[in-house]
């Protein structure tokens, strides 16, 4: 709306100026920007001042207001961008801190799991050693029992051989007391031989 009014005023001023110039009766060849009458000069000054007032009132203030609004909008955008940039920096810093904490926690978890694994391996090795020691003790006891049983069987067999030899040599059957006495003597000799050889 303002632009239409401004355009109509410019056209009116231009037409007035053209009408005054035509009324003066000056030929086109004689036109010089500095030549003319006092009326032309006054009219030019008046139209220029009127144009300035119209521009000041209708165009200059809205242009200045638009430029001021634009400047304020740009300043606000710059402040918002700086704020956003600072927020982004803070978020990046927090992210880097969280990443470093996660890395430390991950290393801590790995170290804890490794220690648990080492402890578990030590526990399993200890149990295996205990089981091996218990098995060795059982085997030694079984071996000792087998040895004693073999000794006992050997002594019984030796006693039986001694009895048979005694019957054959003496030609008579030994009494239980003789039998026991011979067996005990044979056992004593065998034990002494075993102790001397060990």
C-alpha atoms as a PDB file:
ATOM      1  CA  UNK A   1       0.000   0.000   0.000  1.00  0.00           C
ATOM      2  CA  UNK A   2       2.750   2.434   0.947  1.00  0.00           C
ATOM      3  CA  UNK A   3       4.661   1.619  -2.184  1.00  0.00           C
ATOM      4  CA  UNK A   4       1.652   2.506  -4.326  1.00  0.00           C
ATOM      5  CA  UNK A   5       1.280   5.871  -2.601  1.00  0.00           C
ATOM      6  CA  UNK A   6       4.989   6.509  -2.990  1.00  0.00           C
ATOM      7  CA  UNK A   7       4.867   5.624  -6.690  1.00  0.00           C
ATOM      8  CA  UNK A   8       1.861   7.910  -7.294  1.00  0.00           C
ATOM      9  CA  UNK A   9       3.660  10.797  -5.537  1.00  0.00           C
ATOM     10  CA  UNK A  10       6.771  10.313  -7.627  1.00  0.00           C
ATOM     11  CA  UNK A  11       4.714  10.323 -10.785  1.00  0.00           C
ATOM     12  CA  UNK A  12       2.841  13.461  -9.693  1.00  0.00           C
ATOM     13  CA  UNK A  13       6.058  15.314  -8.876  1.00  0.00           C
ATOM     14  CA  UNK A  14       7.557  14.246 -12.162  1.00  0.00           C
ATOM     15  CA  UNK A  15       4.533  15.411 -14.130  1.00  0.00           C
ATOM     16  CA  UNK A  16       4.510  18.768 -12.339  1.00  0.00           C
ATOM     17  CA  UNK A  17       8.154  19.274 -13.095  1.00  0.00           C
ATOM     18  CA  UNK A  18       7.613  18.349 -16.744  1.00  0.00           C
ATOM     19  CA  UNK A  19       4.649  20.735 -16.991  1.00  0.00           C
ATOM     20  CA  UNK A  20       6.611  23.622 -15.571  1.00  0.00           C
ATOM     21  CA  UNK A  21       9.503  22.911 -17.875  1.00  0.00           C
ATOM     22  CA  UNK A  22       7.170  22.848 -20.894  1.00  0.00           C
ATOM     23  CA  UNK A  23       5.548  26.129 -19.862  1.00  0.00           C
ATOM     24  CA  UNK A  24       8.859  27.915 -19.743  1.00  0.00           C
ATOM     25  CA  UNK A  25       9.167  27.484 -23.509  1.00  0.00           C
ATOM     26  CA  UNK A  26      12.772  26.470 -23.483  1.00  0.00           C
ATOM     27  CA  UNK A  27      14.000  24.643 -26.528  1.00  0.00           C
ATOM     28  CA  UNK A  28      15.495  21.224 -26.077  1.00  0.00           C
ATOM     29  CA  UNK A  29      18.857  22.271 -27.418  1.00  0.00           C
ATOM     30  CA  UNK A  30      19.226  24.988 -24.842  1.00  0.00           C
ATOM     31  CA  UNK A  31      18.683  22.676 -21.869  1.00  0.00           C
ATOM     32  CA  UNK A  32      21.465  22.896 -19.379  1.00  0.00           C
ATOM     33  CA  UNK A  33      21.262  21.588 -15.855  1.00  0.00           C
ATOM     34  CA  UNK A  34      22.443  24.908 -14.490  1.00  0.00           C
ATOM     35  CA  UNK A  35      20.385  27.113 -16.736  1.00  0.00           C
ATOM     36  CA  UNK A  36      16.855  28.051 -15.919  1.00  0.00           C
ATOM     37  CA  UNK A  37      14.711  30.452 -14.013  1.00  0.00           C
ATOM     38  CA  UNK A  38      14.373  31.057 -10.361  1.00  0.00           C
ATOM     39  CA  UNK A  39      11.021  29.332 -10.469  1.00  0.00           C
ATOM     40  CA  UNK A  40      12.605  26.208 -11.847  1.00  0.00           C
ATOM     41  CA  UNK A  41      15.220  26.283  -9.088  1.00  0.00           C
ATOM     42  CA  UNK A  42      12.641  26.836  -6.375  1.00  0.00           C
ATOM     43  CA  UNK A  43      10.394  24.150  -7.805  1.00  0.00           C
ATOM     44  CA  UNK A  44      13.345  21.733  -7.959  1.00  0.00           C
ATOM     45  CA  UNK A  45      14.265  22.444  -4.329  1.00  0.00           C
ATOM     46  CA  UNK A  46      10.637  22.136  -3.218  1.00  0.00           C
ATOM     47  CA  UNK A  47      10.131  18.876  -5.097  1.00  0.00           C
ATOM     48  CA  UNK A  48      13.435  17.525  -3.732  1.00  0.00           C
ATOM     49  CA  UNK A  49      12.455  18.410  -0.158  1.00  0.00           C
ATOM     50  CA  UNK A  50       8.990  16.940  -0.720  1.00  0.00           C
ATOM     51  CA  UNK A  51      10.596  13.792  -2.092  1.00  0.00           C
ATOM     52  CA  UNK A  52      12.879  13.599   0.958  1.00  0.00           C
ATOM     53  CA  UNK A  53       9.947  14.057   3.322  1.00  0.00           C
ATOM     54  CA  UNK A  54       7.921  11.439   1.535  1.00  0.00           C
ATOM     55  CA  UNK A  55      10.861   9.065   1.500  1.00  0.00           C
ATOM     56  CA  UNK A  56      11.591   9.862   5.164  1.00  0.00           C
ATOM     57  CA  UNK A  57       8.015   9.288   6.197  1.00  0.00           C
ATOM     58  CA  UNK A  58       7.039   6.393   3.953  1.00  0.00           C
ATOM     59  CA  UNK A  59      10.229   4.632   2.947  1.00  0.00           C
ATOM     60  CA  UNK A  60      13.144   5.563   5.196  1.00  0.00           C
ATOM     61  CA  UNK A  61      11.576   4.539   8.534  1.00  0.00           C
ATOM     62  CA  UNK A  62      10.279   1.181   7.228  1.00  0.00           C
ATOM     63  CA  UNK A  63      13.632   0.503   5.559  1.00  0.00           C
ATOM     64  CA  UNK A  64      15.471   1.379   8.791  1.00  0.00           C
ATOM     65  CA  UNK A  65      13.002  -0.692  10.801  1.00  0.00           C
ATOM     66  CA  UNK A  66      13.468  -3.615   8.402  1.00  0.00           C
ATOM     67  CA  UNK A  67      17.255  -3.272   8.563  1.00  0.00           C
ATOM     68  CA  UNK A  68      17.149  -3.001  12.356  1.00  0.00           C
ATOM     69  CA  UNK A  69      14.890  -6.055  12.574  1.00  0.00           C
ATOM     70  CA  UNK A  70      17.179  -7.904  10.195  1.00  0.00           C
ATOM     71  CA  UNK A  71      20.251  -6.937  12.266  1.00  0.00           C
ATOM     72  CA  UNK A  72      18.512  -8.038  15.476  1.00  0.00           C
ATOM     73  CA  UNK A  73      17.448 -11.295  13.814  1.00  0.00           C
ATOM     74  CA  UNK A  74      21.029 -11.949  12.630  1.00  0.00           C
ATOM     75  CA  UNK A  75      22.430 -11.087  16.081  1.00  0.00           C
ATOM     76  CA  UNK A  76      19.875 -13.433  17.666  1.00  0.00           C
ATOM     77  CA  UNK A  77      20.799 -16.156  15.190  1.00  0.00           C
ATOM     78  CA  UNK A  78      24.511 -15.632  15.975  1.00  0.00           C
ATOM     79  CA  UNK A  79      23.835 -15.796  19.725  1.00  0.00           C
ATOM     80  CA  UNK A  80      21.725 -18.911  19.228  1.00  0.00           C
ATOM     81  CA  UNK A  81      24.477 -20.430  17.077  1.00  0.00           C
ATOM     82  CA  UNK A  82      27.075 -19.609  19.748  1.00  0.00           C
ATOM     83  CA  UNK A  83      24.808 -21.129  22.408  1.00  0.00           C
ATOM     84  CA  UNK A  84      24.262 -24.202  20.277  1.00  0.00           C
ATOM     85  CA  UNK A  85      28.000 -24.413  19.611  1.00  0.00           C
ATOM     86  CA  UNK A  86      28.716 -24.208  23.339  1.00  0.00           C
ATOM     87  CA  UNK A  87      26.063 -26.853  24.063  1.00  0.00           C
ATOM     88  CA  UNK A  88      27.587 -29.058  21.375  1.00  0.00           C
ATOM     89  CA  UNK A  89      31.005 -28.582  22.993  1.00  0.00           C
ATOM     90  CA  UNK A  90      29.592 -29.551  26.384  1.00  0.00           C
ATOM     91  CA  UNK A  91      27.808 -32.582  24.915  1.00  0.00           C
ATOM     92  CA  UNK A  92      31.020 -33.605  23.143  1.00  0.00           C
ATOM     93  CA  UNK A  93      32.984 -33.186  26.377  1.00  0.00           C
ATOM     94  CA  UNK A  94      30.395 -35.243  28.293  1.00  0.00           C
ATOM     95  CA  UNK A  95      30.444 -37.887  25.570  1.00  0.00           C
ATOM     96  CA  UNK A  96      34.235 -38.057  25.678  1.00  0.00           C
ATOM     97  CA  UNK A  97      34.130 -38.318  29.488  1.00  0.00           C
ATOM     98  CA  UNK A  98      31.524 -41.075  29.295  1.00  0.00           C
ATOM     99  CA  UNK A  99      33.562 -42.859  26.638  1.00  0.00           C
ATOM    100  CA  UNK A 100      36.699 -42.625  28.808  1.00  0.00           C
ATOM    101  CA  UNK A 101      34.714 -43.873  31.844  1.00  0.00           C
ATOM    102  CA  UNK A 102      33.266 -46.734  29.807  1.00  0.00           C
ATOM    103  CA  UNK A 103      36.751 -47.624  28.615  1.00  0.00           C
ATOM    104  CA  UNK A 104      38.071 -47.594  32.203  1.00  0.00           C
ATOM    105  CA  UNK A 105      35.098 -49.653  33.389  1.00  0.00           C
ATOM    106  CA  UNK A 106      35.620 -52.095  30.515  1.00  0.00           C
ATOM    107  CA  UNK A 107      39.281 -52.489  31.448  1.00  0.00           C
ATOM    108  CA  UNK A 108      38.275 -52.918  35.095  1.00  0.00           C
ATOM    109  CA  UNK A 109      35.734 -55.588  34.176  1.00  0.00           C
ATOM    110  CA  UNK A 110      38.272 -57.376  31.983  1.00  0.00           C
ATOM    111  CA  UNK A 111      40.880 -57.237  34.762  1.00  0.00           C
ATOM    112  CA  UNK A 112      38.330 -58.506  37.311  1.00  0.00           C
ATOM    113  CA  UNK A 113      37.291 -61.356  35.005  1.00  0.00           C
ATOM    114  CA  UNK A 114      40.936 -62.236  34.357  1.00  0.00           C
ATOM    115  CA  UNK A 115      41.631 -62.300  38.095  1.00  0.00           C
ATOM    116  CA  UNK A 116      38.527 -64.427  38.656  1.00  0.00           C
ATOM    117  CA  UNK A 117      39.712 -66.766  35.894  1.00  0.00           C
ATOM    118  CA  UNK A 118      43.170 -66.998  37.455  1.00  0.00           C
ATOM    119  CA  UNK A 119      41.630 -67.677  40.870  1.00  0.00           C
ATOM    120  CA  UNK A 120      39.317 -70.304  39.380  1.00  0.00           C
ATOM    121  CA  UNK A 121      42.264 -71.917  37.573  1.00  0.00           C
ATOM    122  CA  UNK A 122      44.236 -71.901  40.854  1.00  0.00           C
ATOM    123  CA  UNK A 123      41.283 -73.433  42.678  1.00  0.00           C
ATOM    124  CA  UNK A 124      40.863 -76.118  40.017  1.00  0.00           C
ATOM    125  CA  UNK A 125      44.605 -76.838  40.074  1.00  0.00           C
ATOM    126  CA  UNK A 126      44.498 -77.072  43.894  1.00  0.00           C
ATOM    127  CA  UNK A 127      41.563 -79.473  43.751  1.00  0.00           C
ATOM    128  CA  UNK A 128      43.335 -81.524  41.090  1.00  0.00           C
ATOM    129  CA  UNK A 129      46.470 -81.667  43.270  1.00  0.00           C
ATOM    130  CA  UNK A 130      44.389 -82.717  46.286  1.00  0.00           C
ATOM    131  CA  UNK A 131      42.652 -85.398  44.249  1.00  0.00           C
ATOM    132  CA  UNK A 132      46.001 -86.585  42.851  1.00  0.00           C
ATOM    133  CA  UNK A 133      47.510 -86.651  46.345  1.00  0.00           C
ATOM    134  CA  UNK A 134      44.461 -88.527  47.707  1.00  0.00           C
ATOM    135  CA  UNK A 135      44.675 -90.996  44.801  1.00  0.00           C
ATOM    136  CA  UNK A 136      48.410 -91.449  45.402  1.00  0.00           C
ATOM    137  CA  UNK A 137      47.781 -92.074  49.119  1.00  0.00           C
ATOM    138  CA  UNK A 138      45.003 -94.585  48.292  1.00  0.00           C
ATOM    139  CA  UNK A 139      47.238 -96.333  45.783  1.00  0.00           C
ATOM    140  CA  UNK A 140      50.108 -96.463  48.288  1.00  0.00           C
ATOM    141  CA  UNK A 141      47.743 -97.860  50.911  1.00  0.00           C
ATOM    142  CA  UNK A 142      46.381-100.396  48.419  1.00  0.00           C
ATOM    143  CA  UNK A 143      49.924-101.309  47.466  1.00  0.00           C
ATOM    144  CA  UNK A 144      50.902-101.662  51.130  1.00  0.00           C
ATOM    145  CA  UNK A 145      47.834-103.848  51.768  1.00  0.00           C
ATOM    146  CA  UNK A 146      48.625-105.944  48.698  1.00  0.00           C
ATOM    147  CA  UNK A 147      52.233-106.277  49.856  1.00  0.00           C
ATOM    148  CA  UNK A 148      51.174-107.326  53.346  1.00  0.00           C
ATOM    149  CA  UNK A 149      48.627-109.723  51.920  1.00  0.00           C
ATOM    150  CA  UNK A 150      51.274-111.164  49.590  1.00  0.00           C
ATOM    151  CA  UNK A 151      53.672-111.466  52.539  1.00  0.00           C
ATOM    152  CA  UNK A 152      50.977-113.150  54.589  1.00  0.00           C
ATOM    153  CA  UNK A 153      50.125-115.523  51.753  1.00  0.00           C
ATOM    154  CA  UNK A 154      53.815-116.167  51.185  1.00  0.00           C
ATOM    155  CA  UNK A 155      54.335-116.892  54.882  1.00  0.00           C
ATOM    156  CA  UNK A 156      51.312-119.179  54.926  1.00  0.00           C
ATOM    157  CA  UNK A 157      52.627-120.943  51.843  1.00  0.00           C
ATOM    158  CA  UNK A 158      56.096-121.147  53.412  1.00  0.00           C
ATOM    159  CA  UNK A 159      54.545-122.575  56.595  1.00  0.00           C
ATOM    160  CA  UNK A 160      52.717-125.177  54.538  1.00  0.00           C
ATOM    161  CA  UNK A 161      55.965-126.062  52.734  1.00  0.00           C
ATOM    162  CA  UNK A 162      57.798-126.317  56.044  1.00  0.00           C
ATOM    163  CA  UNK A 163      55.117-128.665  57.390  1.00  0.00           C
ATOM    164  CA  UNK A 164      55.307-130.902  54.369  1.00  0.00           C
ATOM    165  CA  UNK A 165      59.084-130.942  54.523  1.00  0.00           C
ATOM    166  CA  UNK A 166      58.969-131.711  58.217  1.00  0.00           C
ATOM    167  CA  UNK A 167      56.627-134.628  57.606  1.00  0.00           C
ATOM    168  CA  UNK A 168      58.821-135.939  54.852  1.00  0.00           C
ATOM    169  CA  UNK A 169      62.070-135.419  56.694  1.00  0.00           C
ATOM    170  CA  UNK A 170      60.921-136.562  60.094  1.00  0.00           C
ATOM    171  CA  UNK A 171      58.535-139.081  58.719  1.00  0.00           C
ATOM    172  CA  UNK A 172      55.887-138.232  61.164  1.00  0.00           C
ATOM    173  CA  UNK A 173      53.082-135.787  61.514  1.00  0.00           C
ATOM    174  CA  UNK A 174      53.817-132.803  63.614  1.00  0.00           C
ATOM    175  CA  UNK A 175      51.620-131.827  66.457  1.00  0.00           C
ATOM    176  CA  UNK A 176      49.933-128.467  66.500  1.00  0.00           C
ATOM    177  CA  UNK A 177      52.496-127.117  68.973  1.00  0.00           C
ATOM    178  CA  UNK A 178      55.399-128.295  66.812  1.00  0.00           C
ATOM    179  CA  UNK A 179      53.682-127.004  63.786  1.00  0.00           C
ATOM    180  CA  UNK A 180      53.176-123.563  65.296  1.00  0.00           C
ATOM    181  CA  UNK A 181      56.734-123.444  66.591  1.00  0.00           C
ATOM    182  CA  UNK A 182      58.219-124.246  63.154  1.00  0.00           C
ATOM    183  CA  UNK A 183      55.996-121.721  61.456  1.00  0.00           C
ATOM    184  CA  UNK A 184      56.930-118.960  63.896  1.00  0.00           C
ATOM    185  CA  UNK A 185      60.638-119.710  63.482  1.00  0.00           C
ATOM    186  CA  UNK A 186      60.323-119.630  59.700  1.00  0.00           C
ATOM    187  CA  UNK A 187      58.416-116.376  59.825  1.00  0.00           C
ATOM    188  CA  UNK A 188      61.016-114.812  62.088  1.00  0.00           C
ATOM    189  CA  UNK A 189      63.852-115.825  59.736  1.00  0.00           C
ATOM    190  CA  UNK A 190      62.020-114.430  56.717  1.00  0.00           C
ATOM    191  CA  UNK A 191      61.329-111.152  58.497  1.00  0.00           C
ATOM    192  CA  UNK A 192      64.919-110.783  59.526  1.00  0.00           C
ATOM    193  CA  UNK A 193      66.032-111.433  55.961  1.00  0.00           C
ATOM    194  CA  UNK A 194      63.547-108.790  54.689  1.00  0.00           C
ATOM    195  CA  UNK A 195      64.773-106.240  57.241  1.00  0.00           C
ATOM    196  CA  UNK A 196      68.422-106.892  56.354  1.00  0.00           C
ATOM    197  CA  UNK A 197      67.765-106.537  52.624  1.00  0.00           C
ATOM    198  CA  UNK A 198      65.653-103.344  53.051  1.00  0.00           C
END
